[in-house]
């Protein structure tokens, strides 16, 4: 058996998702310090949802997350929670930096990209995310 199966209740699963979040107006707002903090925030939030962050990476205007989740998680609600909580935390902790980019309480674009990892292997997807131009590299 594989080591990364998730067992919960009466089911065993191995579902992974690639999520891309883009800053509002595609503003190049991220610094390496912000991306490092966002990595921690996302990992903590995913753990609260009984999910596991596989890898995280970002550029100045977007981030990539690859995470494992259980079938009982509603992805749209999870993504909404990730966006709202991370936005609030970043705006609180980096208010001075972000006020030059946004004058309202916004951070993320209203849309997002999500794809299951069934089309490619996780190792291929991990290499793709890690190969993106980045201000910080995290695993």
N, C-alpha and C. Protein backbone atom coordinates (compact mmCIF):
# COMPACT_ATOMS: atom_id res chain seq x y z
N UNK A 1 0.83 -1.20 0.00
CA UNK A 1 0.00 0.00 0.00
C UNK A 1 0.87 1.25 0.00
N UNK A 2 0.31 2.31 -0.52
CA UNK A 2 1.03 3.59 -0.54
C UNK A 2 0.98 4.24 0.83
N UNK A 3 1.99 5.02 1.14
CA UNK A 3 2.07 5.69 2.44
C UNK A 3 1.18 6.92 2.53
N UNK A 4 0.77 7.48 1.41
CA UNK A 4 0.06 8.75 1.47
C UNK A 4 -1.45 8.62 1.33
N UNK A 5 -2.00 7.44 1.52
CA UNK A 5 -3.45 7.30 1.53
C UNK A 5 -4.02 7.95 2.78
N UNK A 6 -5.22 8.50 2.66
CA UNK A 6 -5.91 9.10 3.80
C UNK A 6 -7.06 8.18 4.17
N UNK A 7 -7.09 7.77 5.41
CA UNK A 7 -8.16 6.92 5.90
C UNK A 7 -8.99 7.72 6.88
N UNK A 8 -10.30 7.77 6.60
CA UNK A 8 -11.19 8.55 7.45
C UNK A 8 -12.57 7.91 7.38
N UNK A 9 -13.11 7.56 8.55
CA UNK A 9 -14.41 6.92 8.55
C UNK A 9 -14.34 5.58 7.84
N UNK A 10 -15.18 5.43 6.82
CA UNK A 10 -15.23 4.17 6.07
C UNK A 10 -14.55 4.26 4.72
N UNK A 11 -13.75 5.29 4.51
CA UNK A 11 -13.13 5.44 3.19
C UNK A 11 -11.63 5.63 3.29
N UNK A 12 -10.98 5.24 2.23
CA UNK A 12 -9.54 5.47 2.05
C UNK A 12 -9.40 6.17 0.71
N UNK A 13 -8.63 7.25 0.69
CA UNK A 13 -8.53 8.02 -0.55
C UNK A 13 -7.13 8.56 -0.74
N UNK A 14 -6.89 9.02 -1.95
CA UNK A 14 -5.64 9.70 -2.30
C UNK A 14 -6.00 10.75 -3.35
N UNK A 15 -6.61 11.85 -2.91
CA UNK A 15 -7.03 12.92 -3.81
C UNK A 15 -6.10 14.11 -3.62
N UNK A 16 -5.54 14.57 -4.74
CA UNK A 16 -4.66 15.73 -4.68
C UNK A 16 -5.15 16.77 -5.69
N UNK A 17 -4.98 18.02 -5.33
CA UNK A 17 -5.46 19.13 -6.15
C UNK A 17 -4.36 20.17 -6.31
N UNK A 18 -4.30 20.73 -7.51
CA UNK A 18 -3.40 21.86 -7.80
C UNK A 18 -4.27 23.11 -7.80
N UNK A 19 -3.98 24.05 -6.90
CA UNK A 19 -4.74 25.28 -6.76
C UNK A 19 -3.84 26.46 -7.08
N UNK A 20 -4.35 27.38 -7.91
CA UNK A 20 -3.61 28.61 -8.22
C UNK A 20 -4.49 29.78 -7.80
N UNK A 21 -3.93 30.65 -6.96
CA UNK A 21 -4.61 31.86 -6.53
C UNK A 21 -3.84 33.06 -7.06
N UNK A 22 -4.57 34.02 -7.58
CA UNK A 22 -3.97 35.20 -8.22
C UNK A 22 -4.37 36.44 -7.43
N UNK A 23 -3.43 37.37 -7.30
CA UNK A 23 -3.74 38.62 -6.60
C UNK A 23 -4.73 39.44 -7.41
N UNK A 24 -5.51 40.25 -6.72
CA UNK A 24 -6.50 41.12 -7.37
C UNK A 24 -5.77 42.03 -8.35
N UNK A 25 -6.33 42.16 -9.54
CA UNK A 25 -5.76 42.96 -10.63
C UNK A 25 -4.37 42.48 -11.05
N UNK A 26 -4.02 41.27 -10.64
CA UNK A 26 -2.72 40.66 -10.95
C UNK A 26 -1.55 41.57 -10.52
N UNK A 27 -1.79 42.31 -9.43
CA UNK A 27 -0.74 43.20 -8.89
C UNK A 27 0.42 42.39 -8.36
N UNK A 28 1.62 42.85 -8.60
CA UNK A 28 2.83 42.15 -8.16
C UNK A 28 3.12 42.56 -6.70
N UNK A 29 2.31 42.05 -5.81
CA UNK A 29 2.31 42.49 -4.42
C UNK A 29 3.17 41.65 -3.49
N UNK A 30 3.50 40.41 -3.87
CA UNK A 30 4.21 39.52 -2.96
C UNK A 30 5.68 39.85 -2.84
N UNK A 31 6.16 39.78 -1.62
CA UNK A 31 7.59 39.79 -1.34
C UNK A 31 7.95 38.37 -0.89
N UNK A 32 9.24 38.06 -0.81
CA UNK A 32 9.64 36.73 -0.36
C UNK A 32 9.19 36.49 1.07
N UNK A 33 9.21 37.53 1.90
CA UNK A 33 8.75 37.39 3.29
C UNK A 33 7.26 37.06 3.34
N UNK A 34 6.48 37.71 2.49
CA UNK A 34 5.04 37.44 2.44
C UNK A 34 4.76 36.01 1.98
N UNK A 35 5.51 35.55 0.98
CA UNK A 35 5.31 34.18 0.49
C UNK A 35 5.68 33.15 1.55
N UNK A 36 6.72 33.42 2.30
CA UNK A 36 7.10 32.51 3.39
C UNK A 36 6.00 32.45 4.44
N UNK A 37 5.47 33.61 4.79
CA UNK A 37 4.38 33.66 5.78
C UNK A 37 3.13 32.98 5.23
N UNK A 38 2.82 33.21 3.96
CA UNK A 38 1.65 32.61 3.34
C UNK A 38 1.76 31.10 3.31
N UNK A 39 2.95 30.57 3.10
CA UNK A 39 3.18 29.13 3.13
C UNK A 39 2.74 28.57 4.48
N UNK A 40 3.15 29.21 5.56
CA UNK A 40 2.79 28.77 6.91
C UNK A 40 1.29 28.88 7.14
N UNK A 41 0.70 30.01 6.73
CA UNK A 41 -0.74 30.23 6.90
C UNK A 41 -1.53 29.15 6.16
N UNK A 42 -1.17 28.88 4.92
CA UNK A 42 -1.89 27.88 4.13
C UNK A 42 -1.75 26.49 4.73
N UNK A 43 -0.56 26.17 5.19
CA UNK A 43 -0.35 24.86 5.80
C UNK A 43 -1.22 24.70 7.05
N UNK A 44 -1.27 25.73 7.90
CA UNK A 44 -2.09 25.68 9.11
C UNK A 44 -3.58 25.57 8.77
N UNK A 45 -4.04 26.34 7.78
CA UNK A 45 -5.45 26.29 7.39
C UNK A 45 -5.82 24.92 6.83
N UNK A 46 -4.96 24.38 5.99
CA UNK A 46 -5.25 23.06 5.41
C UNK A 46 -5.30 21.98 6.49
N UNK A 47 -4.44 22.08 7.49
CA UNK A 47 -4.47 21.11 8.58
C UNK A 47 -5.79 21.19 9.35
N UNK A 48 -6.33 22.40 9.51
CA UNK A 48 -7.62 22.55 10.18
C UNK A 48 -8.74 21.87 9.40
N UNK A 49 -8.58 21.75 8.11
CA UNK A 49 -9.58 21.09 7.25
C UNK A 49 -9.22 19.61 7.06
N UNK A 50 -8.28 19.09 7.82
CA UNK A 50 -7.80 17.70 7.69
C UNK A 50 -7.21 17.44 6.31
N UNK A 51 -6.53 18.44 5.78
CA UNK A 51 -5.85 18.32 4.49
C UNK A 51 -4.34 18.40 4.73
N UNK A 52 -3.58 18.07 3.70
CA UNK A 52 -2.12 18.08 3.83
C UNK A 52 -1.52 18.86 2.66
N UNK A 53 -0.73 19.88 2.98
CA UNK A 53 -0.03 20.65 1.95
C UNK A 53 1.16 19.82 1.45
N UNK A 54 1.18 19.53 0.16
CA UNK A 54 2.26 18.75 -0.43
C UNK A 54 3.39 19.68 -0.83
N UNK A 55 3.05 20.75 -1.55
CA UNK A 55 4.06 21.73 -1.93
C UNK A 55 3.40 23.09 -2.15
N UNK A 56 4.19 24.13 -1.98
CA UNK A 56 3.73 25.51 -2.12
C UNK A 56 4.83 26.28 -2.83
N UNK A 57 4.42 27.19 -3.71
CA UNK A 57 5.38 28.06 -4.38
C UNK A 57 4.63 29.28 -4.87
N UNK A 58 5.34 30.36 -5.10
CA UNK A 58 4.66 31.55 -5.57
C UNK A 58 5.59 32.51 -6.29
N UNK A 59 4.96 33.40 -7.02
CA UNK A 59 5.66 34.48 -7.70
C UNK A 59 5.08 35.78 -7.17
N UNK A 60 5.41 36.89 -7.79
CA UNK A 60 4.98 38.20 -7.28
C UNK A 60 3.47 38.40 -7.33
N UNK A 61 2.77 37.69 -8.24
CA UNK A 61 1.35 37.95 -8.41
C UNK A 61 0.45 36.71 -8.31
N UNK A 62 1.01 35.55 -7.97
CA UNK A 62 0.18 34.36 -7.79
C UNK A 62 0.92 33.29 -7.00
N UNK A 63 0.14 32.33 -6.49
CA UNK A 63 0.73 31.21 -5.76
C UNK A 63 0.16 29.90 -6.28
N UNK A 64 0.95 28.84 -6.13
CA UNK A 64 0.55 27.47 -6.47
C UNK A 64 0.54 26.66 -5.18
N UNK A 65 -0.52 25.90 -4.98
CA UNK A 65 -0.58 24.96 -3.87
C UNK A 65 -0.93 23.59 -4.44
N UNK A 66 -0.26 22.59 -3.94
CA UNK A 66 -0.61 21.21 -4.24
C UNK A 66 -0.93 20.58 -2.89
N UNK A 67 -2.17 20.12 -2.72
CA UNK A 67 -2.54 19.57 -1.43
C UNK A 67 -3.42 18.34 -1.59
N UNK A 68 -3.40 17.54 -0.53
CA UNK A 68 -4.19 16.32 -0.47
C UNK A 68 -5.40 16.59 0.41
N UNK A 69 -6.55 16.05 0.00
CA UNK A 69 -7.78 16.25 0.76
C UNK A 69 -8.62 14.98 0.78
N UNK A 70 -9.62 14.97 1.61
CA UNK A 70 -10.52 13.83 1.74
C UNK A 70 -11.80 14.13 0.96
N UNK A 71 -12.48 13.11 0.43
CA UNK A 71 -13.68 13.35 -0.39
C UNK A 71 -14.80 14.11 0.31
N UNK A 72 -14.83 14.12 1.65
CA UNK A 72 -15.91 14.84 2.32
C UNK A 72 -15.68 16.35 2.38
N UNK A 73 -14.53 16.82 1.93
CA UNK A 73 -14.23 18.25 1.90
C UNK A 73 -14.86 18.88 0.66
N UNK A 74 -15.61 19.95 0.85
CA UNK A 74 -16.17 20.70 -0.28
C UNK A 74 -15.11 21.70 -0.74
N UNK A 75 -14.53 21.43 -1.92
CA UNK A 75 -13.41 22.25 -2.38
C UNK A 75 -13.75 23.74 -2.49
N UNK A 76 -14.93 24.08 -2.95
CA UNK A 76 -15.28 25.49 -3.10
C UNK A 76 -15.29 26.20 -1.74
N UNK A 77 -15.79 25.52 -0.71
CA UNK A 77 -15.79 26.12 0.64
C UNK A 77 -14.37 26.21 1.19
N UNK A 78 -13.57 25.18 0.93
CA UNK A 78 -12.18 25.20 1.38
C UNK A 78 -11.42 26.35 0.72
N UNK A 79 -11.55 26.48 -0.59
CA UNK A 79 -10.85 27.56 -1.31
C UNK A 79 -11.31 28.92 -0.80
N UNK A 80 -12.60 29.09 -0.60
CA UNK A 80 -13.12 30.35 -0.07
C UNK A 80 -12.50 30.66 1.29
N UNK A 81 -12.39 29.65 2.16
CA UNK A 81 -11.78 29.84 3.47
C UNK A 81 -10.30 30.17 3.35
N UNK A 82 -9.58 29.47 2.48
CA UNK A 82 -8.16 29.76 2.28
C UNK A 82 -7.95 31.20 1.83
N UNK A 83 -8.78 31.63 0.88
CA UNK A 83 -8.64 32.99 0.35
C UNK A 83 -9.00 34.05 1.39
N UNK A 84 -10.10 33.88 2.09
CA UNK A 84 -10.54 34.92 3.02
C UNK A 84 -9.62 35.02 4.24
N UNK A 85 -9.25 33.89 4.83
CA UNK A 85 -8.38 33.93 6.02
C UNK A 85 -6.98 34.41 5.66
N UNK A 86 -6.42 33.90 4.57
CA UNK A 86 -5.07 34.33 4.19
C UNK A 86 -5.05 35.81 3.81
N UNK A 87 -6.09 36.29 3.14
CA UNK A 87 -6.19 37.70 2.80
C UNK A 87 -6.19 38.56 4.06
N UNK A 88 -7.02 38.18 5.01
CA UNK A 88 -7.11 38.95 6.25
C UNK A 88 -5.77 38.97 6.99
N UNK A 89 -5.13 37.82 7.09
CA UNK A 89 -3.84 37.76 7.80
C UNK A 89 -2.76 38.57 7.09
N UNK A 90 -2.68 38.44 5.78
CA UNK A 90 -1.67 39.20 5.04
C UNK A 90 -1.91 40.70 5.14
N UNK A 91 -3.18 41.11 5.03
CA UNK A 91 -3.50 42.54 5.13
C UNK A 91 -3.21 43.09 6.53
N UNK A 92 -3.36 42.27 7.56
CA UNK A 92 -3.03 42.70 8.92
C UNK A 92 -1.52 42.77 9.12
N UNK A 93 -0.81 41.75 8.71
CA UNK A 93 0.61 41.64 8.99
C UNK A 93 1.50 42.45 8.04
N UNK A 94 1.01 42.74 6.85
CA UNK A 94 1.80 43.49 5.86
C UNK A 94 1.04 44.71 5.37
N UNK A 95 0.31 45.34 6.28
CA UNK A 95 -0.58 46.46 5.93
C UNK A 95 0.19 47.60 5.24
N UNK A 96 1.31 47.96 5.77
CA UNK A 96 2.06 49.09 5.22
C UNK A 96 2.50 48.81 3.79
N UNK A 97 2.98 47.62 3.53
CA UNK A 97 3.41 47.25 2.17
C UNK A 97 2.22 47.21 1.21
N UNK A 98 1.11 46.62 1.66
CA UNK A 98 -0.04 46.39 0.77
C UNK A 98 -0.87 47.64 0.50
N UNK A 99 -0.76 48.66 1.34
CA UNK A 99 -1.58 49.86 1.11
C UNK A 99 -1.19 50.59 -0.18
N UNK A 100 0.01 50.34 -0.68
CA UNK A 100 0.40 50.95 -1.96
C UNK A 100 -0.21 50.19 -3.15
N UNK A 101 -0.72 48.98 -2.91
CA UNK A 101 -1.33 48.19 -3.97
C UNK A 101 -2.85 48.23 -3.94
N UNK A 102 -3.41 48.22 -2.73
CA UNK A 102 -4.87 48.12 -2.56
C UNK A 102 -5.36 49.13 -1.54
N UNK A 103 -6.42 49.84 -1.88
CA UNK A 103 -6.99 50.80 -0.94
C UNK A 103 -8.24 50.24 -0.26
N UNK A 104 -8.77 49.14 -0.77
CA UNK A 104 -9.90 48.45 -0.15
C UNK A 104 -9.41 47.17 0.51
N UNK A 105 -10.28 46.53 1.27
CA UNK A 105 -9.93 45.27 1.94
C UNK A 105 -10.02 44.10 0.97
N UNK A 106 -9.15 44.10 -0.02
CA UNK A 106 -9.10 43.01 -0.99
C UNK A 106 -7.67 42.51 -1.07
N UNK A 107 -7.51 41.32 -1.55
CA UNK A 107 -6.17 40.82 -1.84
C UNK A 107 -6.20 39.86 -3.02
N UNK A 108 -7.07 38.85 -2.96
CA UNK A 108 -7.13 37.85 -4.03
C UNK A 108 -8.14 38.24 -5.10
N UNK A 109 -7.89 37.78 -6.31
CA UNK A 109 -8.87 37.88 -7.38
C UNK A 109 -10.08 37.04 -6.98
N UNK A 110 -11.24 37.37 -7.50
CA UNK A 110 -12.44 36.61 -7.19
C UNK A 110 -12.42 35.20 -7.75
N UNK A 111 -11.58 34.95 -8.73
CA UNK A 111 -11.53 33.63 -9.36
C UNK A 111 -10.31 32.84 -8.87
N UNK A 112 -10.29 31.57 -9.24
CA UNK A 112 -9.15 30.72 -8.93
C UNK A 112 -9.11 29.57 -9.93
N UNK A 113 -7.97 28.88 -9.98
CA UNK A 113 -7.81 27.71 -10.83
C UNK A 113 -7.61 26.51 -9.93
N UNK A 114 -8.33 25.43 -10.21
CA UNK A 114 -8.14 24.20 -9.47
C UNK A 114 -8.21 23.03 -10.46
N UNK A 115 -7.31 22.07 -10.29
CA UNK A 115 -7.30 20.89 -11.17
C UNK A 115 -6.91 19.67 -10.36
N UNK A 116 -7.60 18.58 -10.63
CA UNK A 116 -7.21 17.33 -9.99
C UNK A 116 -5.90 16.86 -10.60
N UNK A 117 -5.22 16.01 -9.90
CA UNK A 117 -3.92 15.55 -10.38
C UNK A 117 -3.99 14.24 -11.13
N UNK A 118 -5.17 13.88 -11.62
CA UNK A 118 -5.33 12.61 -12.32
C UNK A 118 -4.68 12.60 -13.69
N UNK A 119 -4.52 13.76 -14.32
CA UNK A 119 -3.99 13.83 -15.67
C UNK A 119 -2.49 13.63 -15.76
N UNK A 120 -1.78 13.99 -14.72
CA UNK A 120 -0.32 13.84 -14.68
C UNK A 120 0.05 13.26 -13.33
N UNK A 121 1.24 12.74 -13.23
CA UNK A 121 1.68 12.21 -11.95
C UNK A 121 1.97 13.37 -11.00
N UNK A 122 1.88 13.09 -9.72
CA UNK A 122 2.15 14.12 -8.72
C UNK A 122 3.60 14.59 -8.82
N UNK A 123 4.52 13.69 -9.12
CA UNK A 123 5.92 14.09 -9.22
C UNK A 123 6.12 15.06 -10.38
N UNK A 124 5.42 14.85 -11.50
CA UNK A 124 5.50 15.78 -12.63
C UNK A 124 4.93 17.13 -12.25
N UNK A 125 3.79 17.12 -11.57
CA UNK A 125 3.17 18.37 -11.15
C UNK A 125 4.04 19.09 -10.13
N UNK A 126 4.63 18.36 -9.20
CA UNK A 126 5.53 18.96 -8.21
C UNK A 126 6.71 19.63 -8.92
N UNK A 127 7.31 18.95 -9.90
CA UNK A 127 8.43 19.54 -10.65
C UNK A 127 8.00 20.81 -11.36
N UNK A 128 6.80 20.81 -11.94
CA UNK A 128 6.28 22.00 -12.62
C UNK A 128 6.14 23.16 -11.64
N UNK A 129 5.53 22.91 -10.48
CA UNK A 129 5.34 23.98 -9.50
C UNK A 129 6.68 24.48 -8.98
N UNK A 130 7.58 23.57 -8.67
CA UNK A 130 8.88 23.97 -8.14
C UNK A 130 9.74 24.67 -9.18
N UNK A 131 9.48 24.43 -10.47
CA UNK A 131 10.26 25.05 -11.54
C UNK A 131 9.78 26.46 -11.87
N UNK A 132 8.63 26.87 -11.33
CA UNK A 132 8.12 28.21 -11.60
C UNK A 132 9.09 29.24 -11.04
N UNK A 133 9.20 30.37 -11.70
CA UNK A 133 10.01 31.46 -11.17
C UNK A 133 9.46 31.80 -9.81
N UNK A 134 10.35 31.99 -8.86
CA UNK A 134 9.87 32.16 -7.50
C UNK A 134 10.75 33.11 -6.71
N UNK A 135 10.12 33.76 -5.75
CA UNK A 135 10.86 34.56 -4.80
C UNK A 135 11.33 33.70 -3.64
N UNK A 136 10.65 32.56 -3.43
CA UNK A 136 11.01 31.63 -2.36
C UNK A 136 10.69 30.22 -2.81
N UNK A 137 11.42 29.26 -2.35
CA UNK A 137 11.18 27.86 -2.65
C UNK A 137 10.85 27.17 -1.35
N UNK A 138 9.73 26.45 -1.30
CA UNK A 138 9.31 25.74 -0.09
C UNK A 138 8.76 24.38 -0.44
N UNK A 139 8.85 23.48 0.50
CA UNK A 139 8.26 22.18 0.34
C UNK A 139 7.47 21.82 1.57
